[in-house]
C-alpha atoms as a PDB file:
ATOM      1  CA  MET A   1     122.617  80.673 203.253  1.00  0.00           C
ATOM      2  CA  ASN A   2     125.021  80.859 200.659  1.00  0.00           C
ATOM      3  CA  ALA A   3     127.902  78.532 201.397  1.00  0.00           C
ATOM      4  CA  GLY A   4     129.561  79.163 198.114  1.00  0.00           C
ATOM      5  CA  LYS A   5     132.438  81.271 196.949  1.00  0.00           C
ATOM      6  CA  THR A   6     132.505  85.142 197.086  1.00  0.00           C
ATOM      7  CA  LEU A   7     132.536  87.051 193.758  1.00  0.00           C
ATOM      8  CA  PHE A   8     135.942  88.324 194.826  1.00  0.00           C
ATOM      9  CA  ALA A   9     137.479  84.862 195.653  1.00  0.00           C
ATOM     10  CA  GLN A  10     136.276  83.764 192.044  1.00  0.00           C
ATOM     11  CA  VAL A  11     137.787  86.620 190.424  1.00  0.00           C
ATOM     12  CA  MET A  12     141.017  85.775 192.340  1.00  0.00           C
ATOM     13  CA  GLU A  13     141.163  82.509 190.937  1.00  0.00           C
ATOM     14  CA  PHE A  14     141.888  83.965 187.570  1.00  0.00           C
ATOM     15  CA  VAL A  15     145.702  85.252 188.848  1.00  0.00           C
ATOM     16  CA  PRO A  16     148.413  82.698 188.234  1.00  0.00           C
ATOM     17  CA  TRP A  17     149.275  82.673 192.046  1.00  0.00           C
ATOM     18  CA  LYS A  18     152.526  80.234 191.366  1.00  0.00           C
ATOM     19  CA  THR A  19     153.539  82.216 188.773  1.00  0.00           C
ATOM     20  CA  PHE A  20     153.035  85.038 190.942  1.00  0.00           C
ATOM     21  CA  GLY A  21     154.672  83.430 193.825  1.00  0.00           C
ATOM     22  CA  ARG A  22     158.071  82.962 191.514  1.00  0.00           C
ATOM     23  CA  ILE A  23     158.109  86.738 190.503  1.00  0.00           C
ATOM     24  CA  VAL A  24     158.045  87.660 194.375  1.00  0.00           C
ATOM     25  CA  GLU A  25     160.836  85.157 194.798  1.00  0.00           C
ATOM     26  CA  ARG A  26     162.851  86.441 192.143  1.00  0.00           C
ATOM     27  CA  HIS A  27     162.480  90.211 193.179  1.00  0.00           C
ATOM     28  CA  ARG A  28     162.648  89.125 197.125  1.00  0.00           C
ATOM     29  CA  GLY A  29     159.425  91.160 197.467  1.00  0.00           C
ATOM     30  CA  ASP A  30     158.537  89.467 200.842  1.00  0.00           C
ATOM     31  CA  ALA A  31     162.077  89.864 202.463  1.00  0.00           C
ATOM     32  CA  GLY A  32     161.227  91.607 205.546  1.00  0.00           C
ATOM     33  CA  ALA A  33     157.599  91.520 205.105  1.00  0.00           C
ATOM     34  CA  ARG A  34     155.722  90.586 208.600  1.00  0.00           C
ATOM     35  CA  THR A  35     151.765  91.532 208.036  1.00  0.00           C
ATOM     36  CA  LEU A  36     150.946  92.287 204.568  1.00  0.00           C
ATOM     37  CA  GLY A  37     152.689  90.477 201.945  1.00  0.00           C
ATOM     38  CA  CYS A  38     152.868  91.023 197.868  1.00  0.00           C
ATOM     39  CA  ALA A  39     150.145  88.550 197.496  1.00  0.00           C
ATOM     40  CA  ASP A  40     147.941  90.184 200.203  1.00  0.00           C
ATOM     41  CA  LEU A  41     148.740  93.599 199.235  1.00  0.00           C
ATOM     42  CA  PHE A  42     147.610  92.445 195.828  1.00  0.00           C
ATOM     43  CA  ARG A  43     144.545  91.316 197.118  1.00  0.00           C
ATOM     44  CA  VAL A  44     143.957  94.469 199.001  1.00  0.00           C
ATOM     45  CA  MET A  45     144.476  96.846 195.972  1.00  0.00           C
ATOM     46  CA  ALA A  46     142.474  94.668 193.704  1.00  0.00           C
ATOM     47  CA  PHE A  47     139.715  94.939 196.220  1.00  0.00           C
ATOM     48  CA  ALA A  48     139.992  98.610 196.569  1.00  0.00           C
ATOM     49  CA  GLN A  49     139.985  98.851 192.780  1.00  0.00           C
ATOM     50  CA  LEU A  50     136.515  96.867 192.170  1.00  0.00           C
ATOM     51  CA  THR A  51     134.526  98.666 195.064  1.00  0.00           C
ATOM     52  CA  TRP A  52     135.434 102.288 194.012  1.00  0.00           C
ATOM     53  CA  ARG A  53     137.601 102.765 197.072  1.00  0.00           C
ATOM     54  CA  GLU A  54     139.094 106.264 197.218  1.00  0.00           C
ATOM     55  CA  SER A  55     141.807 106.337 200.050  1.00  0.00           C
ATOM     56  CA  LEU A  56     143.558 104.258 202.290  1.00  0.00           C
ATOM     57  CA  ARG A  57     141.363 105.555 205.138  1.00  0.00           C
ATOM     58  CA  ASP A  58     138.267 104.010 202.864  1.00  0.00           C
ATOM     59  CA  ILE A  59     140.085 101.132 202.344  1.00  0.00           C
ATOM     60  CA  GLU A  60     140.726 100.227 205.940  1.00  0.00           C
ATOM     61  CA  ALA A  61     136.996 101.261 207.178  1.00  0.00           C
ATOM     62  CA  CYS A  62     135.452  99.290 204.253  1.00  0.00           C
ATOM     63  CA  LEU A  63     137.363  95.835 205.117  1.00  0.00           C
ATOM     64  CA  ALA A  64     136.857  96.263 208.575  1.00  0.00           C
ATOM     65  CA  ALA A  65     133.270  96.337 208.225  1.00  0.00           C
ATOM     66  CA  ASN A  66     133.728  92.927 206.519  1.00  0.00           C
ATOM     67  CA  GLN A  67     135.837  91.240 208.875  1.00  0.00           C
ATOM     68  CA  ALA A  68     133.588  87.743 208.270  1.00  0.00           C
ATOM     69  CA  LYS A  69     134.127  87.989 205.025  1.00  0.00           C
ATOM     70  CA  LEU A  70     137.724  88.260 204.851  1.00  0.00           C
ATOM     71  CA  PHE A  71     138.916  84.658 205.383  1.00  0.00           C
ATOM     72  CA  HIS A  72     137.376  83.604 202.105  1.00  0.00           C
ATOM     73  CA  MET A  73     138.983  86.845 200.463  1.00  0.00           C
ATOM     74  CA  GLY A  74     142.060  85.023 201.309  1.00  0.00           C
ATOM     75  CA  LEU A  75     143.089  88.001 204.092  1.00  0.00           C
ATOM     76  CA  LYS A  76     143.728  87.122 207.632  1.00  0.00           C
ATOM     77  CA  ALA A  77     142.774  90.173 208.977  1.00  0.00           C
ATOM     78  CA  PRO A  78     141.892  94.187 207.817  1.00  0.00           C
ATOM     79  CA  PRO A  79     145.344  96.094 207.511  1.00  0.00           C
ATOM     80  CA  ALA A  80     145.889  99.414 209.250  1.00  0.00           C
ATOM     81  CA  ARG A  81     146.304 102.084 206.691  1.00  0.00           C
ATOM     82  CA  SER A  82     149.835 102.705 207.914  1.00  0.00           C
ATOM     83  CA  THR A  83     150.580  99.479 207.279  1.00  0.00           C
ATOM     84  CA  MET A  84     149.306  99.684 203.277  1.00  0.00           C
ATOM     85  CA  ALA A  85     151.270 103.047 202.987  1.00  0.00           C
ATOM     86  CA  ASP A  86     154.538 101.349 204.122  1.00  0.00           C
ATOM     87  CA  ALA A  87     153.943  98.386 202.163  1.00  0.00           C
ATOM     88  CA  LEU A  88     153.008 100.597 198.821  1.00  0.00           C
ATOM     89  CA  ASN A  89     156.605 102.698 199.746  1.00  0.00           C
ATOM     90  CA  GLN A  90     158.395  99.573 199.870  1.00  0.00           C
ATOM     91  CA  ARG A  91     157.412  96.754 197.569  1.00  0.00           C
ATOM     92  CA  ASP A  92     158.980  96.609 194.388  1.00  0.00           C
ATOM     93  CA  TRP A  93     156.804  97.995 191.389  1.00  0.00           C
ATOM     94  CA  ARG A  94     158.643  95.414 188.998  1.00  0.00           C
ATOM     95  CA  ILE A  95     156.936  92.300 190.653  1.00  0.00           C
ATOM     96  CA  TYR A  96     153.123  94.013 189.988  1.00  0.00           C
ATOM     97  CA  HIS A  97     154.303  95.197 186.383  1.00  0.00           C
ATOM     98  CA  ALA A  98     155.545  91.411 185.875  1.00  0.00           C
ATOM     99  CA  LEU A  99     152.179  89.850 186.971  1.00  0.00           C
ATOM    100  CA  ALA A 100     150.382  92.390 184.822  1.00  0.00           C
ATOM    101  CA  GLN A 101     152.222  91.101 181.698  1.00  0.00           C
ATOM    102  CA  ARG A 102     151.685  87.728 182.330  1.00  0.00           C
ATOM    103  CA  LEU A 103     147.772  88.827 182.897  1.00  0.00           C
ATOM    104  CA  ILE A 104     147.760  90.473 179.427  1.00  0.00           C
ATOM    105  CA  VAL A 105     149.382  87.514 177.385  1.00  0.00           C
ATOM    106  CA  ARG A 106     146.573  85.180 179.091  1.00  0.00           C
ATOM    107  CA  ALA A 107     143.786  87.704 178.381  1.00  0.00           C
ATOM    108  CA  ARG A 108     145.075  88.273 174.667  1.00  0.00           C
ATOM    109  CA  ALA A 109     145.088  84.300 174.085  1.00  0.00           C
ATOM    110  CA  LEU A 110     141.640  84.241 174.896  1.00  0.00           C
ATOM    111  CA  TYR A 111     140.502  86.522 172.181  1.00  0.00           C
ATOM    112  CA  ALA A 112     142.792  85.269 169.465  1.00  0.00           C
ATOM    113  CA  GLN A 113     140.328  83.441 167.304  1.00  0.00           C
ATOM    114  CA  GLU A 114     138.172  86.697 167.528  1.00  0.00           C
ATOM    115  CA  PRO A 115     137.437  88.213 164.144  1.00  0.00           C
ATOM    116  CA  SER A 116     139.482  91.221 163.523  1.00  0.00           C
ATOM    117  CA  LEU A 117     138.085  94.559 162.628  1.00  0.00           C
ATOM    118  CA  LEU A 118     137.121  95.258 159.128  1.00  0.00           C
ATOM    119  CA  ASP A 119     137.598  91.618 158.225  1.00  0.00           C
ATOM    120  CA  LEU A 120     141.730  92.264 158.337  1.00  0.00           C
ATOM    121  CA  ASP A 121     144.288  89.526 158.528  1.00  0.00           C
ATOM    122  CA  ALA A 122     146.070  91.465 161.230  1.00  0.00           C
ATOM    123  CA  SER A 123     146.198  92.863 164.137  1.00  0.00           C
ATOM    124  CA  VAL A 124     144.830  96.673 164.613  1.00  0.00           C
ATOM    125  CA  TYR A 125     146.258  98.510 167.942  1.00  0.00           C
ATOM    126  CA  ALA A 126     144.961 102.082 169.133  1.00  0.00           C
ATOM    127  CA  LEU A 127     147.668 104.245 170.675  1.00  0.00           C
ATOM    128  CA  ASP A 128     146.505 107.077 172.657  1.00  0.00           C
ATOM    129  CA  ALA A 129     147.593 108.879 176.253  1.00  0.00           C
ATOM    130  CA  THR A 130     145.956 110.057 179.089  1.00  0.00           C
ATOM    131  CA  THR A 131     146.953 112.424 181.877  1.00  0.00           C
ATOM    132  CA  ILE A 132     146.202 111.687 185.547  1.00  0.00           C
ATOM    133  CA  ASP A 133     146.418 114.833 187.677  1.00  0.00           C
ATOM    134  CA  LEU A 134     147.902 114.343 190.812  1.00  0.00           C
ATOM    135  CA  CYS A 135     148.545 116.612 194.142  1.00  0.00           C
ATOM    136  CA  LEU A 136     152.086 118.397 194.099  1.00  0.00           C
ATOM    137  CA  SER A 137     152.944 118.115 197.705  1.00  0.00           C
ATOM    138  CA  LEU A 138     152.345 114.630 197.936  1.00  0.00           C
ATOM    139  CA  PHE A 139     153.964 113.611 194.406  1.00  0.00           C
ATOM    140  CA  ASP A 140     156.815 116.108 194.059  1.00  0.00           C
ATOM    141  CA  TRP A 141     158.285 113.349 191.921  1.00  0.00           C
ATOM    142  CA  ALA A 142     155.988 113.929 189.116  1.00  0.00           C
ATOM    143  CA  PRO A 143     156.383 117.410 188.023  1.00  0.00           C
ATOM    144  CA  PHE A 144     153.493 118.748 185.509  1.00  0.00           C
ATOM    145  CA  ARG A 145     152.887 122.394 186.052  1.00  0.00           C
ATOM    146  CA  SER A 146     153.896 124.971 188.693  1.00  0.00           C
ATOM    147  CA  THR A 147     151.133 124.312 190.684  1.00  0.00           C
ATOM    148  CA  LYS A 148     150.063 120.557 190.344  1.00  0.00           C
ATOM    149  CA  ALA A 149     151.776 117.297 189.328  1.00  0.00           C
ATOM    150  CA  ALA A 150     150.418 114.571 186.987  1.00  0.00           C
ATOM    151  CA  ILE A 151     151.541 111.192 185.383  1.00  0.00           C
ATOM    152  CA  LYS A 152     150.568 110.067 181.949  1.00  0.00           C
ATOM    153  CA  LEU A 153     149.401 106.903 181.023  1.00  0.00           C
ATOM    154  CA  HIS A 154     150.304 105.826 177.336  1.00  0.00           C
ATOM    155  CA  THR A 155     148.415 102.778 176.207  1.00  0.00           C
ATOM    156  CA  LEU A 156     148.464 100.503 173.256  1.00  0.00           C
ATOM    157  CA  LEU A 157     145.045  98.758 172.902  1.00  0.00           C
ATOM    158  CA  ASP A 158     144.376  95.656 171.144  1.00  0.00           C
ATOM    159  CA  LEU A 159     141.057  96.325 169.517  1.00  0.00           C
ATOM    160  CA  ARG A 160     140.832  92.422 169.427  1.00  0.00           C
ATOM    161  CA  GLY A 161     139.323  92.093 172.980  1.00  0.00           C
ATOM    162  CA  ALA A 162     140.030  95.869 174.022  1.00  0.00           C
ATOM    163  CA  ILE A 163     143.252  94.451 176.106  1.00  0.00           C
ATOM    164  CA  PRO A 164     145.901  96.708 176.318  1.00  0.00           C
ATOM    165  CA  ALA A 165     149.324  95.189 174.807  1.00  0.00           C
ATOM    166  CA  PHE A 166     151.482  97.774 176.001  1.00  0.00           C
ATOM    167  CA  ILE A 167     151.399 100.226 179.002  1.00  0.00           C
ATOM    168  CA  HIS A 168     154.217 103.231 179.909  1.00  0.00           C
ATOM    169  CA  ILE A 169     153.550 105.341 182.593  1.00  0.00           C
ATOM    170  CA  SER A 170     155.749 108.919 182.552  1.00  0.00           C
ATOM    171  CA  ASP A 171     155.601 112.304 184.297  1.00  0.00           C
ATOM    172  CA  GLY A 172     153.031 114.399 182.937  1.00  0.00           C
ATOM    173  CA  LYS A 173     155.474 116.622 180.801  1.00  0.00           C
ATOM    174  CA  LEU A 174     156.607 113.757 178.296  1.00  0.00           C
ATOM    175  CA  HIS A 175     155.067 114.454 174.833  1.00  0.00           C
ATOM    176  CA  ASP A 176     152.912 111.598 173.352  1.00  0.00           C
ATOM    177  CA  VAL A 177     155.255 111.132 170.369  1.00  0.00           C
ATOM    178  CA  ASN A 178     158.461 110.198 172.258  1.00  0.00           C
ATOM    179  CA  VAL A 179     156.661 106.936 172.924  1.00  0.00           C
ATOM    180  CA  LEU A 180     156.617 105.799 169.475  1.00  0.00           C
ATOM    181  CA  ASP A 181     160.555 105.433 170.575  1.00  0.00           C
ATOM    182  CA  ILE A 182     159.962 102.696 173.200  1.00  0.00           C
ATOM    183  CA  LEU A 183     156.794 101.079 171.290  1.00  0.00           C
ATOM    184  CA  PRO A 184     157.329  97.419 170.175  1.00  0.00           C
ATOM    185  CA  VAL A 185     156.013  97.460 166.442  1.00  0.00           C
ATOM    186  CA  GLU A 186     154.770  94.266 165.196  1.00  0.00           C
ATOM    187  CA  ALA A 187     155.689  93.741 161.513  1.00  0.00           C
ATOM    188  CA  GLY A 188     151.819  93.585 159.457  1.00  0.00           C
ATOM    189  CA  ALA A 189     149.922  95.183 162.508  1.00  0.00           C
ATOM    190  CA  PHE A 190     147.855  98.575 161.814  1.00  0.00           C
ATOM    191  CA  TYR A 191     148.505 101.090 164.502  1.00  0.00           C
ATOM    192  CA  VAL A 192     145.585 103.983 164.744  1.00  0.00           C
ATOM    193  CA  MET A 193     147.149 107.117 166.215  1.00  0.00           C
ATOM    194  CA  ASP A 194     146.060 110.823 166.441  1.00  0.00           C
ATOM    195  CA  ARG A 195     147.734 113.774 165.124  1.00  0.00           C
ATOM    196  CA  GLY A 196     149.779 114.136 168.522  1.00  0.00           C
ATOM    197  CA  TYR A 197     151.850 111.233 167.563  1.00  0.00           C
ATOM    198  CA  LEU A 198     152.797 112.644 163.775  1.00  0.00           C
ATOM    199  CA  ASP A 199     156.420 112.561 163.428  1.00  0.00           C
ATOM    200  CA  PHE A 200     157.598 111.493 159.938  1.00  0.00           C
ATOM    201  CA  GLU A 201     161.023 109.976 161.107  1.00  0.00           C
ATOM    202  CA  ARG A 202     159.518 107.971 163.768  1.00  0.00           C
ATOM    203  CA  LEU A 203     156.670 106.971 161.549  1.00  0.00           C
ATOM    204  CA  TYR A 204     159.141 106.070 158.716  1.00  0.00           C
ATOM    205  CA  ALA A 205     160.848 103.800 161.372  1.00  0.00           C
ATOM    206  CA  MET A 206     157.554 102.214 162.202  1.00  0.00           C
ATOM    207  CA  HIS A 207     157.210 101.370 158.276  1.00  0.00           C
ATOM    208  CA  GLN A 208     160.544  99.932 157.887  1.00  0.00           C
ATOM    209  CA  ALA A 209     159.546  97.554 160.451  1.00  0.00           C
ATOM    210  CA  GLY A 210     157.092  96.165 158.433  1.00  0.00           C
ATOM    211  CA  ALA A 211     154.061  97.870 160.258  1.00  0.00           C
ATOM    212  CA  PHE A 212     150.890 100.186 159.098  1.00  0.00           C
ATOM    213  CA  PHE A 213     149.672 103.566 160.575  1.00  0.00           C
ATOM    214  CA  VAL A 214     146.729 105.475 160.287  1.00  0.00           C
ATOM    215  CA  THR A 215     147.024 108.901 161.963  1.00  0.00           C
ATOM    216  CA  ARG A 216     145.476 112.313 161.060  1.00  0.00           C
ATOM    217  CA  ALA A 217     147.405 115.098 159.170  1.00  0.00           C
ATOM    218  CA  LYS A 218     148.030 118.660 161.279  1.00  0.00           C
ATOM    219  CA  ALA A 219     146.906 121.687 160.041  1.00  0.00           C
ATOM    220  CA  GLY A 220     149.001 123.175 157.291  1.00  0.00           C
ATOM    221  CA  MET A 221     151.246 120.313 156.364  1.00  0.00           C
ATOM    222  CA  ASP A 222     153.013 121.187 153.490  1.00  0.00           C
ATOM    223  CA  ALA A 223     152.813 118.497 150.980  1.00  0.00           C
ATOM    224  CA  ARG A 224     151.520 118.277 147.352  1.00  0.00           C
ATOM    225  CA  ARG A 225     149.667 115.393 145.568  1.00  0.00           C
ATOM    226  CA  VAL A 226     151.322 113.171 143.559  1.00  0.00           C
ATOM    227  CA  TYR A 227     148.879 110.604 142.406  1.00  0.00           C
ATOM    228  CA  SER A 228     144.459 110.198 143.148  1.00  0.00           C
ATOM    229  CA  ALA A 229     143.070 106.791 143.461  1.00  0.00           C
ATOM    230  CA  THR A 230     139.216 106.204 142.382  1.00  0.00           C
ATOM    231  CA  VAL A 231     137.343 105.710 145.537  1.00  0.00           C
ATOM    232  CA  ASP A 232     133.627 104.811 146.505  1.00  0.00           C
ATOM    233  CA  ARG A 233     132.041 107.749 148.147  1.00  0.00           C
ATOM    234  CA  THR A 234     129.336 105.916 149.614  1.00  0.00           C
ATOM    235  CA  THR A 235     131.422 104.410 151.981  1.00  0.00           C
ATOM    236  CA  GLY A 236     132.408 107.526 153.665  1.00  0.00           C
ATOM    237  CA  VAL A 237     135.862 108.256 151.844  1.00  0.00           C
ATOM    238  CA  ILE A 238     136.042 111.344 150.345  1.00  0.00           C
ATOM    239  CA  CYS A 239     139.309 110.948 148.294  1.00  0.00           C
ATOM    240  CA  ASP A 240     142.438 108.343 148.502  1.00  0.00           C
ATOM    241  CA  GLN A 241     145.690 110.257 147.484  1.00  0.00           C
ATOM    242  CA  SER A 242     149.339 109.930 147.331  1.00  0.00           C
ATOM    243  CA  VAL A 243     151.011 112.530 148.344  1.00  0.00           C
ATOM    244  CA  MET A 244     154.811 113.986 149.024  1.00  0.00           C
ATOM    245  CA  LEU A 245     156.430 116.372 151.575  1.00  0.00           C
ATOM    246  CA  ASN A 246     157.533 119.397 150.511  1.00  0.00           C
ATOM    247  CA  GLY A 247     159.471 120.597 153.980  1.00  0.00           C
ATOM    248  CA  HIS A 248     163.296 120.033 153.773  1.00  0.00           C
ATOM    249  CA  TYR A 249     163.749 118.019 156.681  1.00  0.00           C
ATOM    250  CA  SER A 250     160.333 116.276 156.834  1.00  0.00           C
ATOM    251  CA  ALA A 251     160.771 115.154 153.227  1.00  0.00           C
ATOM    252  CA  HIS A 252     164.232 113.852 154.184  1.00  0.00           C
ATOM    253  CA  SER A 253     163.171 112.191 157.011  1.00  0.00           C
ATOM    254  CA  THR A 254     161.633 109.641 155.341  1.00  0.00           C
ATOM    255  CA  ASP A 255     162.031 107.388 152.043  1.00  0.00           C
ATOM    256  CA  ARG A 256     161.652 110.044 149.169  1.00  0.00           C
ATOM    257  CA  GLY A 257     160.892 107.041 146.880  1.00  0.00           C
ATOM    258  CA  HIS A 258     157.795 106.152 148.465  1.00  0.00           C
ATOM    259  CA  PRO A 259     154.724 108.655 148.963  1.00  0.00           C
ATOM    260  CA  PHE A 260     152.639 109.035 151.759  1.00  0.00           C
ATOM    261  CA  GLN A 261     149.079 107.695 151.174  1.00  0.00           C
ATOM    262  CA  SER A 262     146.502 110.192 152.423  1.00  0.00           C
ATOM    263  CA  ASP A 263     142.657 108.502 152.696  1.00  0.00           C
ATOM    264  CA  ARG A 264     140.379 111.343 153.596  1.00  0.00           C
ATOM    265  CA  GLY A 265     137.132 110.659 155.231  1.00  0.00           C
ATOM    266  CA  HIS A 266     133.895 111.931 157.035  1.00  0.00           C
ATOM    267  CA  ARG A 267     134.289 112.587 160.351  1.00  0.00           C
ATOM    268  CA  GLY A 268     131.984 111.130 163.625  1.00  0.00           C
END
């Protein structure tokens, strides 16, 4: 008979429990909690995520079917779904946000010595957002369409290790480009985005912060070529051009003394 630790227990060992305890104490997360504290709730939800549980009833049934293993998972008894519902409704979300930020710092440190993409001596980030549909009758605080609710998950992914460096959750109506207003910008880093983030004033603010951005132009962008550099087309790059914006407002939202550089390459 296997007398070792379960896989779930081994995964939970990576959680900085002392740090988590201080975070819970700071926010008084366990004040009034009798059966399912912040740490136990985290274990339950981590188990649900790792085992693809789809509802509180599903979590309750799965834990009840494994009562002999609960002690080794750090749980005393399978919680009732009403208890889990109350805990999810009452626990301060900032507790788990702070824990996630701490885990991200630890994970990024593990990949700090990994080679960067394209042999760049700088961090490379990918920024994108995904919409998660919700039931409007249950999540009326996240309006999206007249018949459904949704939240939008904005994620900045560090491509060295594929670890999220920044996460912001908004309602489904927030346009992607607005995240640039709260995005922490790292000087010298490269930010890769799609055309949904094309806003010259915000991109110029990123330029002023000392960062670089790579994005796609929208169809019909009003610009003119001012300089073309020599390129090696065998690398997939069609042209390397510096362009100036012609539109009155777009041209005045950037430094007119510094043209944009446009690199066009093959798709796919």
